[in-house]
Amino acid sequence: MTAPAEAAARLLGQPVARTRRLSGGDLSAVFYLTLADGSACIAKQADTALAEADMLRAIAATGAPAPNILAANDAWLIMEEIAHDGRLESAWPDLARMLGLLHAADGGRYGWPADHGFGPVRIENAWSENWPDFWSNRRLRCHLPYIGRALGQRIERLADRLSDLLPPQPRAALLHGDLWGGNILVAGGRVSALIDPACYHGDREVDAAMLTLFDRPPPAFFEALNLEQGWRERQPVYRLWPLLVHLRLFGDSYGDSVGAALSTLGV
């Protein structure tokens, strides 16, 4: 019996008939399992499985769609199968509505009860009452030991200016935290689930910024979000964090993108 089949059988209390590894998953392994009774589920192997289960439950509690958790332990997350056809371009209006539900969950302060991680890259989430301080310390300065000196000096100069660039206390919205097209399942022109979260509470413009890294949301999508004045100018600040994470995970090919974002911000 394969490792995912053995883990799922133990957690669910029934045999697994077939196992198929799914594509994608740069930082974790994901499997499609057919159970002995003919039903199906998804098994994800990750050190952060229990934390991710908590995040998916938090998303679902807002009314936004997320997979039901069937079982979880410190290594495996077993979830219901979610129908999807992969056509995000048909679902931008519905995604705006779903983010309205998600972001309405106000944490009162910025952060999350525990740190998280993308593979070896730690995501620091200690609570803060001040949003620019949170973004400076938990999302920018935290990368300084791991990047080159020249780039690090530019990051430090930007971090020193964040109180002039970011609002001091935006509403502490529940964020997906890793919102890009691959983590949005779509079926029939509607969002069927938000998956692979890295949740915390922060400025809702962060999720909007992350969507622009690899996807091209139409203008009507941003109009539907009804973001606060000046949001376009803040987008490069918020895109820097995922770009720095990608630089650390996947190498220097992301260095130019980090540098370009910093140049846009005048540092």
C-alpha atoms as a PDB file:
ATOM      1  CA  MET A   1       0.000   0.000   0.000  1.00  0.00           C
ATOM      2  CA  THR A   2       1.328   3.459  -0.885  1.00  0.00           C
ATOM      3  CA  ALA A   3       2.035   6.045   1.825  1.00  0.00           C
ATOM      4  CA  PRO A   4      -0.999   8.249   0.999  1.00  0.00           C
ATOM      5  CA  ALA A   5      -3.288   5.206   0.816  1.00  0.00           C
ATOM      6  CA  GLU A   6      -2.004   3.905   4.145  1.00  0.00           C
ATOM      7  CA  ALA A   7      -2.325   7.301   5.837  1.00  0.00           C
ATOM      8  CA  ALA A   8      -5.825   7.927   4.470  1.00  0.00           C
ATOM      9  CA  ALA A   9      -7.023   4.430   5.366  1.00  0.00           C
ATOM     10  CA  ARG A  10      -5.808   4.898   8.925  1.00  0.00           C
ATOM     11  CA  LEU A  11      -7.344   8.369   9.292  1.00  0.00           C
ATOM     12  CA  LEU A  12     -10.658   7.588   7.565  1.00  0.00           C
ATOM     13  CA  GLY A  13     -11.097   4.047   8.842  1.00  0.00           C
ATOM     14  CA  GLN A  14     -11.695   2.482   5.436  1.00  0.00           C
ATOM     15  CA  PRO A  15      -9.515   1.019   2.662  1.00  0.00           C
ATOM     16  CA  VAL A  16      -8.244   2.973  -0.330  1.00  0.00           C
ATOM     17  CA  ALA A  17      -8.761   1.261  -3.691  1.00  0.00           C
ATOM     18  CA  ARG A  18      -6.658   3.518  -5.962  1.00  0.00           C
ATOM     19  CA  THR A  19      -4.143   6.349  -5.639  1.00  0.00           C
ATOM     20  CA  ARG A  20      -3.140   8.908  -8.265  1.00  0.00           C
ATOM     21  CA  ARG A  21      -0.662  11.739  -7.763  1.00  0.00           C
ATOM     22  CA  LEU A  22      -1.930  15.106  -8.990  1.00  0.00           C
ATOM     23  CA  SER A  23       0.148  17.618 -10.924  1.00  0.00           C
ATOM     24  CA  GLY A  24       1.362  20.868  -9.343  1.00  0.00           C
ATOM     25  CA  GLY A  25       2.277  21.097  -5.700  1.00  0.00           C
ATOM     26  CA  ASP A  26       5.768  22.628  -5.771  1.00  0.00           C
ATOM     27  CA  LEU A  27       6.062  22.452  -1.987  1.00  0.00           C
ATOM     28  CA  SER A  28       3.896  19.426  -1.098  1.00  0.00           C
ATOM     29  CA  ALA A  29       2.575  16.213  -2.614  1.00  0.00           C
ATOM     30  CA  VAL A  30      -1.150  15.945  -3.447  1.00  0.00           C
ATOM     31  CA  PHE A  31      -3.028  12.739  -4.317  1.00  0.00           C
ATOM     32  CA  TYR A  32      -6.445  11.784  -5.647  1.00  0.00           C
ATOM     33  CA  LEU A  33      -7.740   8.774  -3.733  1.00  0.00           C
ATOM     34  CA  THR A  34     -10.603   6.456  -4.640  1.00  0.00           C
ATOM     35  CA  LEU A  35     -11.929   4.726  -1.546  1.00  0.00           C
ATOM     36  CA  ALA A  36     -13.222   1.159  -1.377  1.00  0.00           C
ATOM     37  CA  ASP A  37     -16.842   2.387  -1.278  1.00  0.00           C
ATOM     38  CA  GLY A  38     -16.349   4.252  -4.592  1.00  0.00           C
ATOM     39  CA  SER A  39     -16.162   7.754  -3.114  1.00  0.00           C
ATOM     40  CA  ALA A  40     -13.140   9.994  -3.677  1.00  0.00           C
ATOM     41  CA  CYS A  41     -11.087  12.427  -1.644  1.00  0.00           C
ATOM     42  CA  ILE A  42      -7.896  14.463  -1.824  1.00  0.00           C
ATOM     43  CA  ALA A  43      -4.859  13.745   0.356  1.00  0.00           C
ATOM     44  CA  LYS A  44      -2.150  16.378   0.848  1.00  0.00           C
ATOM     45  CA  GLN A  45       1.152  15.577   2.505  1.00  0.00           C
ATOM     46  CA  ALA A  46       2.584  18.565   4.372  1.00  0.00           C
ATOM     47  CA  ASP A  47       4.227  19.407   7.678  1.00  0.00           C
ATOM     48  CA  THR A  48       1.668  22.214   8.001  1.00  0.00           C
ATOM     49  CA  ALA A  49      -1.373  19.948   7.529  1.00  0.00           C
ATOM     50  CA  LEU A  50      -3.019  20.699  10.887  1.00  0.00           C
ATOM     51  CA  ALA A  51      -2.460  24.442  10.503  1.00  0.00           C
ATOM     52  CA  GLU A  52      -3.881  24.380   6.979  1.00  0.00           C
ATOM     53  CA  ALA A  53      -6.932  22.492   8.204  1.00  0.00           C
ATOM     54  CA  ASP A  54      -7.568  25.273  10.724  1.00  0.00           C
ATOM     55  CA  MET A  55      -7.210  27.888   7.980  1.00  0.00           C
ATOM     56  CA  LEU A  56      -9.632  26.116   5.651  1.00  0.00           C
ATOM     57  CA  ARG A  57     -12.169  25.916   8.477  1.00  0.00           C
ATOM     58  CA  ALA A  58     -11.709  29.645   9.118  1.00  0.00           C
ATOM     59  CA  ILE A  59     -12.363  30.392   5.438  1.00  0.00           C
ATOM     60  CA  ALA A  60     -15.467  28.189   5.396  1.00  0.00           C
ATOM     61  CA  ALA A  61     -16.796  29.887   8.539  1.00  0.00           C
ATOM     62  CA  THR A  62     -17.037  33.173   6.610  1.00  0.00           C
ATOM     63  CA  GLY A  63     -19.304  31.630   3.973  1.00  0.00           C
ATOM     64  CA  ALA A  64     -16.546  31.581   1.341  1.00  0.00           C
ATOM     65  CA  PRO A  65     -16.085  28.140  -0.240  1.00  0.00           C
ATOM     66  CA  ALA A  66     -13.377  25.792   1.045  1.00  0.00           C
ATOM     67  CA  PRO A  67     -13.012  22.006   1.047  1.00  0.00           C
ATOM     68  CA  ASN A  68     -14.496  20.121   3.977  1.00  0.00           C
ATOM     69  CA  ILE A  69     -11.814  18.534   6.156  1.00  0.00           C
ATOM     70  CA  LEU A  70     -12.359  14.779   6.436  1.00  0.00           C
ATOM     71  CA  ALA A  71      -9.335  14.102   8.638  1.00  0.00           C
ATOM     72  CA  ALA A  72      -5.934  15.530   9.465  1.00  0.00           C
ATOM     73  CA  ASN A  73      -2.796  14.829  11.464  1.00  0.00           C
ATOM     74  CA  ASP A  74       0.644  16.419  11.614  1.00  0.00           C
ATOM     75  CA  ALA A  75       1.610  15.045   8.189  1.00  0.00           C
ATOM     76  CA  TRP A  76      -1.558  14.496   6.149  1.00  0.00           C
ATOM     77  CA  LEU A  77      -4.635  16.546   5.281  1.00  0.00           C
ATOM     78  CA  ILE A  78      -7.599  14.583   3.856  1.00  0.00           C
ATOM     79  CA  MET A  79     -10.221  16.741   2.123  1.00  0.00           C
ATOM     80  CA  GLU A  80     -13.356  16.288   0.112  1.00  0.00           C
ATOM     81  CA  GLU A  81     -13.046  16.262  -3.664  1.00  0.00           C
ATOM     82  CA  ILE A  82     -14.104  19.609  -5.197  1.00  0.00           C
ATOM     83  CA  ALA A  83     -15.430  19.892  -8.750  1.00  0.00           C
ATOM     84  CA  HIS A  84     -13.454  22.328 -10.908  1.00  0.00           C
ATOM     85  CA  ASP A  85     -12.847  23.060 -14.579  1.00  0.00           C
ATOM     86  CA  GLY A  86      -9.982  25.512 -14.248  1.00  0.00           C
ATOM     87  CA  ARG A  87     -11.487  28.545 -16.044  1.00  0.00           C
ATOM     88  CA  LEU A  88     -10.869  31.455 -13.679  1.00  0.00           C
ATOM     89  CA  GLU A  89     -11.574  33.996 -16.405  1.00  0.00           C
ATOM     90  CA  SER A  90     -15.273  33.105 -16.172  1.00  0.00           C
ATOM     91  CA  ALA A  91     -15.440  33.581 -12.407  1.00  0.00           C
ATOM     92  CA  TRP A  92     -13.996  37.009 -11.609  1.00  0.00           C
ATOM     93  CA  PRO A  93     -17.395  38.446 -10.533  1.00  0.00           C
ATOM     94  CA  ASP A  94     -18.013  35.486  -8.223  1.00  0.00           C
ATOM     95  CA  LEU A  95     -14.480  35.696  -6.816  1.00  0.00           C
ATOM     96  CA  ALA A  96     -15.098  39.345  -5.902  1.00  0.00           C
ATOM     97  CA  ARG A  97     -18.220  38.263  -4.011  1.00  0.00           C
ATOM     98  CA  MET A  98     -16.380  35.451  -2.237  1.00  0.00           C
ATOM     99  CA  LEU A  99     -13.579  37.795  -1.181  1.00  0.00           C
ATOM    100  CA  GLY A 100     -16.203  40.149   0.200  1.00  0.00           C
ATOM    101  CA  LEU A 101     -17.308  37.350   2.538  1.00  0.00           C
ATOM    102  CA  LEU A 102     -13.771  36.346   3.448  1.00  0.00           C
ATOM    103  CA  HIS A 103     -12.508  39.848   4.112  1.00  0.00           C
ATOM    104  CA  ALA A 104     -15.529  40.758   6.237  1.00  0.00           C
ATOM    105  CA  ALA A 105     -14.088  38.576   9.021  1.00  0.00           C
ATOM    106  CA  ASP A 106     -12.283  41.188  11.138  1.00  0.00           C
ATOM    107  CA  GLY A 107      -9.557  39.903  13.468  1.00  0.00           C
ATOM    108  CA  GLY A 108      -9.209  43.191  15.343  1.00  0.00           C
ATOM    109  CA  ARG A 109      -5.404  43.124  14.957  1.00  0.00           C
ATOM    110  CA  TYR A 110      -2.856  41.929  12.437  1.00  0.00           C
ATOM    111  CA  GLY A 111      -1.382  38.441  12.325  1.00  0.00           C
ATOM    112  CA  TRP A 112      -2.413  34.878  13.128  1.00  0.00           C
ATOM    113  CA  PRO A 113      -2.242  32.642  16.215  1.00  0.00           C
ATOM    114  CA  ALA A 114       0.778  30.770  14.842  1.00  0.00           C
ATOM    115  CA  ASP A 115       3.577  31.149  12.316  1.00  0.00           C
ATOM    116  CA  HIS A 116       3.262  29.228   9.056  1.00  0.00           C
ATOM    117  CA  GLY A 117       5.589  28.396   6.189  1.00  0.00           C
ATOM    118  CA  PHE A 118       6.104  27.836   2.492  1.00  0.00           C
ATOM    119  CA  GLY A 119       8.508  24.912   2.555  1.00  0.00           C
ATOM    120  CA  PRO A 120      11.701  26.214   4.210  1.00  0.00           C
ATOM    121  CA  VAL A 121      10.512  29.845   4.162  1.00  0.00           C
ATOM    122  CA  ARG A 122       8.973  30.745   7.499  1.00  0.00           C
ATOM    123  CA  ILE A 123       5.910  33.018   7.538  1.00  0.00           C
ATOM    124  CA  GLU A 124       6.037  35.116  10.689  1.00  0.00           C
ATOM    125  CA  ASN A 125       2.583  35.968  12.030  1.00  0.00           C
ATOM    126  CA  ALA A 126       3.067  37.372  15.539  1.00  0.00           C
ATOM    127  CA  TRP A 127       0.239  39.787  16.385  1.00  0.00           C
ATOM    128  CA  SER A 128       0.644  43.529  15.907  1.00  0.00           C
ATOM    129  CA  GLU A 129      -1.610  46.539  16.480  1.00  0.00           C
ATOM    130  CA  ASN A 130       0.153  48.588  13.783  1.00  0.00           C
ATOM    131  CA  TRP A 131      -0.117  47.515  10.160  1.00  0.00           C
ATOM    132  CA  PRO A 132       3.024  49.209   8.723  1.00  0.00           C
ATOM    133  CA  ASP A 133       5.045  47.689  11.584  1.00  0.00           C
ATOM    134  CA  PHE A 134       3.605  44.248  10.822  1.00  0.00           C
ATOM    135  CA  TRP A 135       4.406  44.516   7.102  1.00  0.00           C
ATOM    136  CA  SER A 136       7.863  45.925   7.766  1.00  0.00           C
ATOM    137  CA  ASN A 137       8.933  43.304  10.294  1.00  0.00           C
ATOM    138  CA  ARG A 138       6.946  40.179   9.368  1.00  0.00           C
ATOM    139  CA  ARG A 139       6.931  40.516   5.576  1.00  0.00           C
ATOM    140  CA  LEU A 140      10.012  42.535   4.531  1.00  0.00           C
ATOM    141  CA  ARG A 141      12.845  42.704   7.097  1.00  0.00           C
ATOM    142  CA  CYS A 142      12.435  38.996   7.873  1.00  0.00           C
ATOM    143  CA  HIS A 143      14.013  38.215   4.479  1.00  0.00           C
ATOM    144  CA  LEU A 144      17.168  40.298   4.979  1.00  0.00           C
ATOM    145  CA  PRO A 145      19.387  37.445   6.247  1.00  0.00           C
ATOM    146  CA  TYR A 146      18.581  35.406   3.136  1.00  0.00           C
ATOM    147  CA  ILE A 147      19.035  37.856   0.256  1.00  0.00           C
ATOM    148  CA  GLY A 148      21.958  39.799  -1.212  1.00  0.00           C
ATOM    149  CA  ARG A 149      23.347  42.888   0.490  1.00  0.00           C
ATOM    150  CA  ALA A 150      22.432  45.370  -2.265  1.00  0.00           C
ATOM    151  CA  LEU A 151      18.857  44.177  -2.487  1.00  0.00           C
ATOM    152  CA  GLY A 152      18.644  44.022   1.293  1.00  0.00           C
ATOM    153  CA  GLN A 153      19.684  47.652   1.646  1.00  0.00           C
ATOM    154  CA  ARG A 154      16.888  48.695  -0.704  1.00  0.00           C
ATOM    155  CA  ILE A 155      14.389  46.615   1.282  1.00  0.00           C
ATOM    156  CA  GLU A 156      15.553  48.307   4.481  1.00  0.00           C
ATOM    157  CA  ARG A 157      15.099  51.770   2.960  1.00  0.00           C
ATOM    158  CA  LEU A 158      11.559  50.861   1.924  1.00  0.00           C
ATOM    159  CA  ALA A 159      10.750  49.337   5.317  1.00  0.00           C
ATOM    160  CA  ASP A 160      11.840  52.585   6.982  1.00  0.00           C
ATOM    161  CA  ARG A 161       9.258  54.479   4.886  1.00  0.00           C
ATOM    162  CA  LEU A 162       6.268  52.181   5.283  1.00  0.00           C
ATOM    163  CA  SER A 163       4.435  54.462   7.703  1.00  0.00           C
ATOM    164  CA  ASP A 164       4.243  56.989   4.840  1.00  0.00           C
ATOM    165  CA  LEU A 165       3.055  54.408   2.290  1.00  0.00           C
ATOM    166  CA  LEU A 166       0.584  52.177   4.144  1.00  0.00           C
ATOM    167  CA  PRO A 167      -2.467  53.009   6.260  1.00  0.00           C
ATOM    168  CA  PRO A 168      -1.730  52.642   9.994  1.00  0.00           C
ATOM    169  CA  GLN A 169      -4.871  50.680  10.842  1.00  0.00           C
ATOM    170  CA  PRO A 170      -6.803  49.244   7.896  1.00  0.00           C
ATOM    171  CA  ARG A 171      -9.528  46.770   8.821  1.00  0.00           C
ATOM    172  CA  ALA A 172      -7.861  43.500   9.875  1.00  0.00           C
ATOM    173  CA  ALA A 173      -9.525  41.353   7.209  1.00  0.00           C
ATOM    174  CA  LEU A 174      -9.122  37.587   7.053  1.00  0.00           C
ATOM    175  CA  LEU A 175      -6.735  37.019   4.145  1.00  0.00           C
ATOM    176  CA  HIS A 176      -6.265  33.899   2.076  1.00  0.00           C
ATOM    177  CA  GLY A 177      -2.588  34.814   2.041  1.00  0.00           C
ATOM    178  CA  ASP A 178      -1.529  32.926  -1.105  1.00  0.00           C
ATOM    179  CA  LEU A 179      -4.235  33.956  -3.524  1.00  0.00           C
ATOM    180  CA  TRP A 180      -3.389  33.180  -7.136  1.00  0.00           C
ATOM    181  CA  GLY A 181      -5.244  31.365  -9.896  1.00  0.00           C
ATOM    182  CA  GLY A 182      -3.856  27.944  -9.004  1.00  0.00           C
ATOM    183  CA  ASN A 183      -5.410  28.183  -5.539  1.00  0.00           C
ATOM    184  CA  ILE A 184      -8.875  29.120  -6.809  1.00  0.00           C
ATOM    185  CA  LEU A 185     -11.050  26.230  -8.007  1.00  0.00           C
ATOM    186  CA  VAL A 186     -13.814  27.123 -10.450  1.00  0.00           C
ATOM    187  CA  ALA A 187     -16.790  25.138 -11.721  1.00  0.00           C
ATOM    188  CA  GLY A 188     -19.520  26.431 -13.990  1.00  0.00           C
ATOM    189  CA  GLY A 189     -18.340  30.028 -13.806  1.00  0.00           C
ATOM    190  CA  ARG A 190     -18.367  30.125  -9.999  1.00  0.00           C
ATOM    191  CA  VAL A 191     -15.688  29.681  -7.367  1.00  0.00           C
ATOM    192  CA  SER A 192     -16.070  26.172  -5.994  1.00  0.00           C
ATOM    193  CA  ALA A 193     -13.251  26.413  -3.414  1.00  0.00           C
ATOM    194  CA  LEU A 194     -10.309  28.438  -2.170  1.00  0.00           C
ATOM    195  CA  ILE A 195      -7.446  26.050  -1.423  1.00  0.00           C
ATOM    196  CA  ASP A 196      -3.841  26.050  -0.121  1.00  0.00           C
ATOM    197  CA  PRO A 197      -4.269  29.056   2.195  1.00  0.00           C
ATOM    198  CA  ALA A 198      -1.663  30.871   4.270  1.00  0.00           C
ATOM    199  CA  CYS A 199      -4.184  32.838   6.326  1.00  0.00           C
ATOM    200  CA  TYR A 200      -3.642  35.808   8.593  1.00  0.00           C
ATOM    201  CA  HIS A 201      -5.449  39.083   9.317  1.00  0.00           C
ATOM    202  CA  GLY A 202      -4.325  42.171   7.417  1.00  0.00           C
ATOM    203  CA  ASP A 203      -5.159  44.739   4.766  1.00  0.00           C
ATOM    204  CA  ARG A 204      -7.487  43.162   2.198  1.00  0.00           C
ATOM    205  CA  GLU A 205      -5.471  44.841  -0.559  1.00  0.00           C
ATOM    206  CA  VAL A 206      -2.814  42.142   0.016  1.00  0.00           C
ATOM    207  CA  ASP A 207      -4.997  39.446  -1.559  1.00  0.00           C
ATOM    208  CA  ALA A 208      -5.777  41.759  -4.476  1.00  0.00           C
ATOM    209  CA  ALA A 209      -2.067  42.418  -5.027  1.00  0.00           C
ATOM    210  CA  MET A 210      -1.143  38.731  -4.977  1.00  0.00           C
ATOM    211  CA  LEU A 211      -3.749  38.029  -7.639  1.00  0.00           C
ATOM    212  CA  THR A 212      -1.842  40.281 -10.042  1.00  0.00           C
ATOM    213  CA  LEU A 213       1.433  38.335  -9.839  1.00  0.00           C
ATOM    214  CA  PHE A 214       0.452  35.546 -12.220  1.00  0.00           C
ATOM    215  CA  ASP A 215      -3.118  36.441 -13.222  1.00  0.00           C
ATOM    216  CA  ARG A 216      -4.752  39.383 -14.983  1.00  0.00           C
ATOM    217  CA  PRO A 217      -7.947  40.364 -13.156  1.00  0.00           C
ATOM    218  CA  PRO A 218     -10.131  42.660 -15.266  1.00  0.00           C
ATOM    219  CA  PRO A 219     -10.819  46.251 -14.143  1.00  0.00           C
ATOM    220  CA  ALA A 220     -14.387  45.278 -13.204  1.00  0.00           C
ATOM    221  CA  PHE A 221     -12.999  42.883 -10.596  1.00  0.00           C
ATOM    222  CA  PHE A 222     -11.191  45.667  -8.742  1.00  0.00           C
ATOM    223  CA  GLU A 223     -14.215  47.930  -9.087  1.00  0.00           C
ATOM    224  CA  ALA A 224     -16.326  45.231  -7.434  1.00  0.00           C
ATOM    225  CA  LEU A 225     -13.848  44.994  -4.530  1.00  0.00           C
ATOM    226  CA  ASN A 226     -14.335  48.738  -3.905  1.00  0.00           C
ATOM    227  CA  LEU A 227     -10.836  49.185  -2.494  1.00  0.00           C
ATOM    228  CA  GLU A 228      -9.774  52.297  -0.618  1.00  0.00           C
ATOM    229  CA  GLN A 229      -8.354  55.328  -2.407  1.00  0.00           C
ATOM    230  CA  GLY A 230      -4.685  54.921  -3.284  1.00  0.00           C
ATOM    231  CA  TRP A 231      -4.816  51.137  -3.571  1.00  0.00           C
ATOM    232  CA  ARG A 232      -2.965  51.084  -6.907  1.00  0.00           C
ATOM    233  CA  GLU A 233       0.031  52.858  -5.389  1.00  0.00           C
ATOM    234  CA  ARG A 234       0.166  50.329  -2.546  1.00  0.00           C
ATOM    235  CA  GLN A 235       0.065  47.251  -4.779  1.00  0.00           C
ATOM    236  CA  PRO A 236       3.865  47.133  -5.419  1.00  0.00           C
ATOM    237  CA  VAL A 237       4.485  47.199  -1.636  1.00  0.00           C
ATOM    238  CA  TYR A 238       2.214  44.204  -1.133  1.00  0.00           C
ATOM    239  CA  ARG A 239       3.563  42.310  -4.155  1.00  0.00           C
ATOM    240  CA  LEU A 240       7.062  42.474  -2.715  1.00  0.00           C
ATOM    241  CA  TRP A 241       6.423  39.838  -0.079  1.00  0.00           C
ATOM    242  CA  PRO A 242       5.419  37.003  -2.447  1.00  0.00           C
ATOM    243  CA  LEU A 243       8.215  38.049  -4.806  1.00  0.00           C
ATOM    244  CA  LEU A 244      10.747  37.771  -1.975  1.00  0.00           C
ATOM    245  CA  VAL A 245       9.329  34.370  -1.010  1.00  0.00           C
ATOM    246  CA  HIS A 246       9.706  33.209  -4.617  1.00  0.00           C
ATOM    247  CA  LEU A 247      13.249  34.585  -4.726  1.00  0.00           C
ATOM    248  CA  ARG A 248      14.166  32.464  -1.711  1.00  0.00           C
ATOM    249  CA  LEU A 249      12.348  29.358  -2.918  1.00  0.00           C
ATOM    250  CA  PHE A 250      13.163  29.375  -6.619  1.00  0.00           C
ATOM    251  CA  GLY A 251      16.291  31.453  -7.008  1.00  0.00           C
ATOM    252  CA  ASP A 252      17.669  34.521  -8.748  1.00  0.00           C
ATOM    253  CA  SER A 253      15.176  34.457 -11.622  1.00  0.00           C
ATOM    254  CA  TYR A 254      12.913  36.485  -9.328  1.00  0.00           C
ATOM    255  CA  GLY A 255      15.597  39.020  -8.455  1.00  0.00           C
ATOM    256  CA  ASP A 256      14.739  41.299 -11.372  1.00  0.00           C
ATOM    257  CA  SER A 257      11.069  41.315 -10.373  1.00  0.00           C
ATOM    258  CA  VAL A 258      11.969  42.298  -6.816  1.00  0.00           C
ATOM    259  CA  GLY A 259      14.259  45.030  -8.112  1.00  0.00           C
ATOM    260  CA  ALA A 260      11.603  46.344 -10.499  1.00  0.00           C
ATOM    261  CA  ALA A 261       9.022  46.545  -7.712  1.00  0.00           C
ATOM    262  CA  LEU A 262      11.480  48.470  -5.540  1.00  0.00           C
ATOM    263  CA  SER A 263      12.250  50.852  -8.401  1.00  0.00           C
ATOM    264  CA  THR A 264       8.550  51.527  -8.848  1.00  0.00           C
ATOM    265  CA  LEU A 265       8.493  52.536  -5.184  1.00  0.00           C
ATOM    266  CA  GLY A 266      11.478  54.849  -5.593  1.00  0.00           C
ATOM    267  CA  VAL A 267      14.092  52.867  -3.660  1.00  0.00           C
END
